[in-house]
Amino acid sequence: MTIKEISKITNSKIDGDSSFIIKDISFIKDAREGDLVLADGEKYFKQALISPCSAILTDKKYSETDKILLLNDKPNEGFIKLLEAILEENTFPSDKPSATIPKSCKIAKNATVCDGTVLGENVTVYPNVYIGANCKIGDNTIIYPNVCIYDRTIIGKNCVINAQVTIGADGFGYESGDAGLLKYPHIGYIEISDEVEIGANTCVDRAKLGKTYIGYGTKIDNLCQIAHNVKIGKFTVICGQTGIAGSATVGDMCILGAQVGIADHVEVADRTIIGAKSGVIKNTEPGKAYLGWHSNPVDRARRIEVLYNQLPDTHAEFREMKNKLKELEKSLKSVIKKI
């Protein structure tokens, strides 16, 4: 699209070349030359200025720049309109789908494989599986019953997708508008590398822009939530009921215990260990173990836990010392009067 076309869709004013052709829409951190990015506020405007992007959809011109600006009092609402305009709707299965399915594959009779999807050799698809359009699934991958895989999903070789997993649903993204909550269309996709296993009833959400990514050899337990634009490295282990919020990054060879919560945009460094029921709200350091809510380095967390359990006795001792101090003050005042 040209800047002029985008300005009409978003109802924005143009500051710059209206005939410039935008190649793609991206987040600021992923921007390339020719891209349009959203910058709502001065903080993000400054980040966009030093990125390679060519155009910025923003609420205000905070400083002079050679980049093209699209000015909008409500840039988030304008951005949502733009995503809606280019969103590819999910494709309904046709009567004669054009999927590529080698003879070596085992496909249950009541499984659905939609147009344009390509399966590798020896893929096994169990009953009631739905695989959307234009997906790619690698050799020897097994997809167990009732799995739902949305359009444009990429799954590597030798993967195991257990029962009732959902891959590719929209991420959880809304913007407050005059008419209530406006839904962010998610136009990205999911890429799952080779040798990955995903446990039953886990959900992996489609990216808002770009991709949600799970690295080589990573193993994910049952009932986990992987949100939009999450990036997970290789050989990472994620235990049951863990939730990873949008745009968080988990490095290589990490271990996340059961019921761990990771906040959005947090970076979990390589070889990090997070103990069960911990909450991670800030970046971690490589090779360290963390525990607790909010999570702390393990040594500190253990000291806190010991002190926490000692609080009743400590409080009783404190009250006793406080009473003794009052008695001592009375005695001291009595002595002072006699002097």
Protein backbone atom coordinates (compact mmCIF):
# COMPACT_ATOMS: atom_id res chain seq x y z
CA MET A 1 0.00 0.00 0.00
CA THR A 2 1.01 3.61 -0.48
CA ILE A 3 1.13 6.03 2.43
CA LYS A 4 -1.88 7.80 0.88
CA GLU A 5 -3.92 4.57 0.88
CA ILE A 6 -2.96 3.85 4.49
CA SER A 7 -3.84 7.39 5.56
CA LYS A 8 -7.39 6.91 4.21
CA ILE A 9 -7.83 3.59 6.04
CA THR A 10 -6.48 4.96 9.33
CA ASN A 11 -7.94 8.46 8.97
CA SER A 12 -4.49 10.01 9.55
CA LYS A 13 -2.73 13.14 8.31
CA ILE A 14 0.43 12.69 6.24
CA ASP A 15 3.75 14.37 7.02
CA GLY A 16 6.03 13.25 4.19
CA ASP A 17 5.87 11.46 0.85
CA SER A 18 2.29 10.26 0.26
CA SER A 19 3.32 8.09 -2.73
CA PHE A 20 5.84 6.00 -0.77
CA ILE A 21 5.00 2.27 -0.90
CA ILE A 22 5.00 0.42 2.44
CA LYS A 23 6.37 -3.14 2.19
CA ASP A 24 5.23 -4.45 5.56
CA ILE A 25 3.90 -3.61 9.04
CA SER A 26 6.06 -4.56 12.00
CA PHE A 27 6.89 -3.97 15.64
CA ILE A 28 9.57 -1.34 16.26
CA LYS A 29 12.14 -3.92 17.43
CA ASP A 30 11.62 -5.99 14.25
CA ALA A 31 11.40 -3.10 11.79
CA ARG A 32 13.19 -3.04 8.46
CA GLU A 33 13.53 -0.40 5.78
CA GLY A 34 10.20 0.03 4.01
CA ASP A 35 8.15 -0.92 7.09
CA LEU A 36 5.44 1.01 8.93
CA VAL A 37 5.44 0.89 12.76
CA LEU A 38 3.06 2.07 15.48
CA ALA A 39 4.44 4.55 18.05
CA ASP A 40 1.85 5.65 20.59
CA GLY A 41 3.63 8.19 22.78
CA GLU A 42 7.03 9.89 22.95
CA LYS A 43 8.87 6.84 24.36
CA TYR A 44 7.95 4.67 21.37
CA PHE A 45 8.40 7.57 18.94
CA LYS A 46 12.05 7.89 20.04
CA GLN A 47 12.53 4.12 19.62
CA ALA A 48 11.00 4.28 16.14
CA LEU A 49 13.33 7.11 15.11
CA ILE A 50 16.44 4.98 15.65
CA SER A 51 14.90 1.90 13.98
CA PRO A 52 15.26 1.20 10.23
CA CYS A 53 11.51 1.77 9.64
CA SER A 54 10.42 4.16 6.90
CA ALA A 55 7.09 5.36 8.33
CA ILE A 56 5.55 5.89 11.77
CA LEU A 57 1.88 5.93 12.76
CA THR A 58 1.86 8.19 15.81
CA ASP A 59 -0.20 10.62 17.84
CA LYS A 60 2.22 13.54 17.59
CA LYS A 61 5.40 14.77 15.90
CA TYR A 62 7.68 14.76 18.93
CA SER A 63 10.81 15.82 17.02
CA GLU A 64 12.04 16.48 13.50
CA THR A 65 12.68 13.42 11.37
CA ASP A 66 13.14 12.35 7.76
CA LYS A 67 10.78 9.41 8.31
CA ILE A 68 7.24 9.64 6.97
CA LEU A 69 4.66 10.29 9.68
CA LEU A 70 0.98 9.38 9.80
CA LEU A 71 -0.52 11.59 12.50
CA ASN A 72 -3.61 10.38 14.35
CA ASP A 73 -5.07 11.44 17.72
CA LYS A 74 -5.86 7.75 18.37
CA PRO A 75 -3.06 5.86 16.63
CA ASN A 76 -3.97 2.50 18.19
CA GLU A 77 -7.48 2.68 16.73
CA GLY A 78 -6.01 3.61 13.36
CA PHE A 79 -3.61 0.68 13.58
CA ILE A 80 -6.50 -1.70 14.29
CA LYS A 81 -8.34 -0.42 11.18
CA LEU A 82 -5.23 -1.05 9.10
CA LEU A 83 -4.83 -4.61 10.41
CA GLU A 84 -8.51 -5.28 9.73
CA ALA A 85 -8.06 -4.08 6.15
CA ILE A 86 -5.26 -6.55 5.39
CA LEU A 87 -6.35 -9.47 7.57
CA GLU A 88 -6.56 -12.82 5.79
CA GLU A 89 -9.73 -14.54 6.95
CA ASN A 90 -9.53 -18.21 7.91
CA THR A 91 -10.33 -20.43 4.93
CA PHE A 92 -13.29 -22.80 5.10
CA PRO A 93 -12.53 -26.36 3.94
CA SER A 94 -13.58 -27.05 0.37
CA ASP A 95 -15.29 -30.21 -0.92
CA LYS A 96 -12.12 -31.16 -2.80
CA PRO A 97 -9.20 -29.67 -0.90
CA SER A 98 -5.96 -29.11 -2.76
CA ALA A 99 -3.74 -30.25 0.12
CA THR A 100 -0.54 -32.17 -0.58
CA ILE A 101 -0.68 -35.49 1.32
CA PRO A 102 1.95 -38.17 0.52
CA LYS A 103 0.85 -41.81 0.39
CA SER A 104 2.98 -42.58 3.45
CA CYS A 105 0.75 -40.40 5.66
CA LYS A 106 -1.95 -41.89 7.89
CA ILE A 107 -5.02 -39.65 7.95
CA ALA A 108 -8.17 -40.54 9.90
CA LYS A 109 -11.37 -40.44 7.84
CA ASN A 110 -12.98 -37.64 9.84
CA ALA A 111 -9.87 -35.42 9.98
CA THR A 112 -9.88 -32.21 7.90
CA VAL A 113 -6.90 -30.92 5.91
CA CYS A 114 -7.64 -27.65 4.09
CA ASP A 115 -6.49 -26.11 0.80
CA GLY A 116 -2.83 -25.42 0.20
CA THR A 117 -1.58 -27.37 3.21
CA VAL A 118 1.49 -29.53 2.66
CA LEU A 119 2.17 -32.61 4.79
CA GLY A 120 5.56 -34.31 4.92
CA GLU A 121 6.25 -38.03 4.74
CA ASN A 122 4.80 -40.37 7.39
CA VAL A 123 2.64 -37.72 9.09
CA THR A 124 -0.06 -39.25 11.30
CA VAL A 125 -3.33 -37.37 11.81
CA TYR A 126 -5.83 -38.83 14.31
CA PRO A 127 -9.66 -38.44 14.30
CA ASN A 128 -11.35 -35.03 14.61
CA VAL A 129 -8.18 -33.10 13.81
CA TYR A 130 -8.63 -29.82 11.90
CA ILE A 131 -5.66 -28.47 9.91
CA GLY A 132 -6.35 -25.13 8.25
CA ALA A 133 -5.26 -23.76 4.89
CA ASN A 134 -1.68 -23.14 3.76
CA CYS A 135 -0.07 -24.96 6.67
CA LYS A 136 3.18 -26.92 6.45
CA ILE A 137 3.81 -29.99 8.62
CA GLY A 138 7.11 -31.86 8.56
CA ASP A 139 7.98 -35.53 8.25
CA ASN A 140 7.02 -38.04 10.96
CA THR A 141 4.96 -35.58 12.97
CA ILE A 142 2.06 -37.04 14.97
CA ILE A 143 -1.12 -35.05 15.59
CA TYR A 144 -3.43 -36.64 18.16
CA PRO A 145 -7.27 -36.39 18.33
CA ASN A 146 -9.20 -33.12 18.47
CA VAL A 147 -6.20 -30.89 17.71
CA CYS A 148 -7.07 -27.61 15.97
CA ILE A 149 -4.40 -25.98 13.80
CA TYR A 150 -5.35 -22.65 12.24
CA ASP A 151 -4.30 -21.37 8.79
CA ARG A 152 -0.66 -20.64 7.88
CA THR A 153 0.88 -22.62 10.74
CA ILE A 154 4.33 -24.19 10.27
CA ILE A 155 5.21 -27.34 12.25
CA GLY A 156 8.57 -29.09 11.84
CA LYS A 157 9.70 -32.70 11.62
CA ASN A 158 9.30 -35.37 14.32
CA CYS A 159 6.92 -33.27 16.42
CA VAL A 160 4.21 -34.60 18.72
CA ILE A 161 1.04 -32.53 19.14
CA ASN A 162 -1.08 -34.11 21.86
CA ALA A 163 -4.86 -34.23 22.12
CA GLN A 164 -6.92 -31.03 22.08
CA VAL A 165 -4.04 -28.65 21.53
CA THR A 166 -5.01 -25.41 19.77
CA ILE A 167 -2.38 -23.76 17.59
CA GLY A 168 -2.98 -20.42 15.91
CA ALA A 169 -5.94 -18.85 17.73
CA ASP A 170 -5.80 -15.07 18.04
CA GLY A 171 -3.73 -13.62 20.83
CA PHE A 172 -5.45 -11.74 23.66
CA GLY A 173 -5.20 -8.12 22.54
CA TYR A 174 -7.71 -5.29 22.95
CA GLU A 175 -7.69 -1.49 22.87
CA SER A 176 -10.12 0.73 24.77
CA GLY A 177 -12.18 2.79 22.34
CA ASP A 178 -15.25 5.01 22.36
CA ALA A 179 -17.46 1.99 21.59
CA GLY A 180 -15.82 -0.28 24.17
CA LEU A 181 -13.01 -2.78 23.70
CA LEU A 182 -11.62 -2.95 20.16
CA LYS A 183 -10.08 -6.27 19.14
CA TYR A 184 -6.59 -6.28 17.64
CA PRO A 185 -6.62 -8.43 14.50
CA HIS A 186 -3.73 -10.90 14.56
CA ILE A 187 -2.23 -11.21 11.09
CA GLY A 188 0.92 -13.14 12.04
CA TYR A 189 1.53 -16.87 12.20
CA ILE A 190 3.18 -19.65 14.26
CA GLU A 191 6.37 -21.54 13.55
CA ILE A 192 7.21 -24.68 15.54
CA SER A 193 10.65 -26.15 14.94
CA ASP A 194 11.66 -29.84 14.70
CA GLU A 195 11.48 -32.35 17.58
CA VAL A 196 9.00 -30.28 19.61
CA GLU A 197 6.34 -31.91 21.82
CA ILE A 198 3.26 -30.02 22.98
CA GLY A 199 1.12 -31.45 25.80
CA ALA A 200 -2.65 -31.92 25.84
CA ASN A 201 -4.93 -28.86 26.06
CA THR A 202 -2.08 -26.40 25.57
CA CYS A 203 -2.72 -23.27 23.49
CA VAL A 204 -0.19 -21.50 21.28
CA ASP A 205 -1.49 -18.14 20.02
CA ARG A 206 -1.00 -16.54 16.62
CA ALA A 207 1.29 -13.49 16.47
CA LYS A 208 -0.18 -10.03 16.15
CA LEU A 209 2.57 -9.29 13.61
CA GLY A 210 5.42 -11.57 12.57
CA LYS A 211 5.47 -14.95 14.29
CA THR A 212 5.14 -16.86 17.55
CA TYR A 213 8.11 -19.24 17.65
CA ILE A 214 8.98 -22.48 19.51
CA GLY A 215 12.57 -23.66 19.08
CA TYR A 216 14.15 -27.01 18.29
CA GLY A 217 13.67 -29.83 20.78
CA THR A 218 11.55 -27.86 23.25
CA LYS A 219 9.03 -29.82 25.34
CA ILE A 220 5.81 -28.26 26.62
CA ASP A 221 3.58 -29.97 29.21
CA ASN A 222 -0.23 -30.04 29.42
CA LEU A 223 -2.45 -26.99 29.99
CA CYS A 224 0.12 -24.33 29.14
CA GLN A 225 -0.53 -20.95 27.53
CA ILE A 226 1.92 -19.54 24.98
CA ALA A 227 0.71 -16.06 24.02
CA HIS A 228 1.12 -14.04 20.83
CA ASN A 229 4.64 -13.23 19.63
CA VAL A 230 6.31 -15.32 22.33
CA LYS A 231 9.75 -16.63 21.32
CA ILE A 232 11.00 -19.85 22.96
CA GLY A 233 14.52 -21.17 22.37
CA LYS A 234 15.77 -24.72 21.87
CA PHE A 235 15.76 -27.61 24.38
CA THR A 236 13.60 -25.69 26.88
CA VAL A 237 11.27 -27.56 29.24
CA ILE A 238 7.95 -25.96 30.23
CA CYS A 239 5.90 -27.72 32.93
CA GLY A 240 2.11 -27.86 33.32
CA GLN A 241 -0.13 -24.80 33.73
CA THR A 242 2.63 -22.36 32.90
CA GLY A 243 1.52 -19.13 31.24
CA ILE A 244 3.80 -16.97 29.10
CA ALA A 245 2.39 -13.54 28.23
CA GLY A 246 2.65 -11.74 24.92
CA SER A 247 6.03 -10.88 23.37
CA ALA A 248 7.99 -12.55 26.19
CA THR A 249 11.21 -14.34 25.24
CA VAL A 250 12.42 -17.60 26.80
CA GLY A 251 15.98 -18.62 25.95
CA ASP A 252 17.68 -21.93 25.23
CA MET A 253 17.79 -24.82 27.74
CA CYS A 254 15.54 -23.17 30.32
CA ILE A 255 13.35 -25.03 32.82
CA LEU A 256 10.02 -23.49 33.84
CA GLY A 257 8.34 -25.29 36.76
CA ALA A 258 4.61 -25.91 37.03
CA GLN A 259 2.30 -22.87 37.23
CA VAL A 260 5.03 -20.37 36.42
CA GLY A 261 3.77 -17.00 35.16
CA ILE A 262 5.92 -14.82 32.90
CA ALA A 263 4.85 -11.23 32.30
CA ASP A 264 4.64 -9.67 28.84
CA HIS A 265 7.87 -8.50 27.16
CA VAL A 266 10.06 -10.15 29.84
CA GLU A 267 13.27 -11.81 28.64
CA VAL A 268 14.16 -15.10 30.34
CA ALA A 269 17.84 -15.69 29.62
CA ASP A 270 19.44 -18.95 28.47
CA ARG A 271 19.68 -21.79 31.04
CA THR A 272 17.39 -20.03 33.53
CA ILE A 273 15.52 -22.23 36.01
CA ILE A 274 12.21 -20.92 37.39
CA GLY A 275 10.73 -22.78 40.39
CA ALA A 276 7.09 -23.84 40.50
CA LYS A 277 4.42 -21.15 41.11
CA SER A 278 6.95 -18.34 40.54
CA GLY A 279 6.06 -15.04 38.90
CA VAL A 280 8.65 -13.45 36.61
CA ILE A 281 8.11 -9.73 36.04
CA LYS A 282 11.63 -8.66 35.06
CA ASN A 283 14.45 -10.02 32.92
CA THR A 284 16.57 -12.84 34.33
CA GLU A 285 20.31 -13.49 34.17
CA PRO A 286 21.77 -16.48 32.28
CA GLY A 287 22.27 -19.69 34.21
CA LYS A 288 20.55 -18.56 37.43
CA ALA A 289 17.68 -20.16 39.35
CA TYR A 290 14.69 -18.11 40.54
CA LEU A 291 11.87 -18.81 42.94
CA GLY A 292 8.85 -17.08 44.46
CA TRP A 293 6.38 -14.29 43.79
CA HIS A 294 7.81 -12.01 42.76
CA SER A 295 10.64 -14.34 41.78
CA ASN A 296 14.05 -13.82 43.39
CA PRO A 297 17.38 -15.59 43.02
CA VAL A 298 17.01 -18.93 44.83
CA ASP A 299 19.36 -18.12 47.76
CA ARG A 300 17.46 -14.92 48.54
CA ALA A 301 14.08 -16.62 48.04
CA ARG A 302 15.02 -19.33 50.53
CA ARG A 303 16.05 -16.77 53.16
CA ILE A 304 12.77 -14.93 52.63
CA GLU A 305 10.82 -18.19 53.00
CA VAL A 306 12.62 -19.05 56.26
CA LEU A 307 11.92 -15.59 57.69
CA TYR A 308 8.30 -15.77 56.53
CA ASN A 309 7.76 -19.02 58.45
CA GLN A 310 9.39 -17.50 61.54
CA LEU A 311 7.13 -14.44 61.55
CA PRO A 312 4.72 -15.61 64.32
CA ASP A 313 7.59 -16.37 66.75
CA THR A 314 9.47 -13.25 65.71
CA HIS A 315 6.39 -11.12 66.25
CA ALA A 316 5.83 -12.62 69.73
CA GLU A 317 9.46 -11.92 70.64
CA PHE A 318 9.12 -8.38 69.32
CA ARG A 319 6.02 -7.73 71.50
CA GLU A 320 7.83 -9.12 74.55
CA MET A 321 10.86 -6.90 73.89
CA LYS A 322 8.56 -3.93 73.36
CA ASN A 323 6.88 -4.51 76.75
CA LYS A 324 10.26 -4.89 78.47
CA LEU A 325 11.43 -1.66 76.85
CA LYS A 326 8.39 0.17 78.23
CA GLU A 327 9.11 -1.19 81.73
CA LEU A 328 12.74 -0.14 81.37
CA GLU A 329 11.67 3.38 80.35
CA LYS A 330 9.43 3.63 83.43
CA SER A 331 12.25 2.47 85.70
CA LEU A 332 14.64 4.93 84.08
CA LYS A 333 12.22 7.84 84.58
CA SER A 334 11.78 6.84 88.24
CA VAL A 335 15.56 6.81 88.76
CA ILE A 336 15.92 10.19 87.02
CA LYS A 337 13.28 11.75 89.36
CA LYS A 338 15.10 10.45 92.45
CA ILE A 339 18.37 11.91 91.20
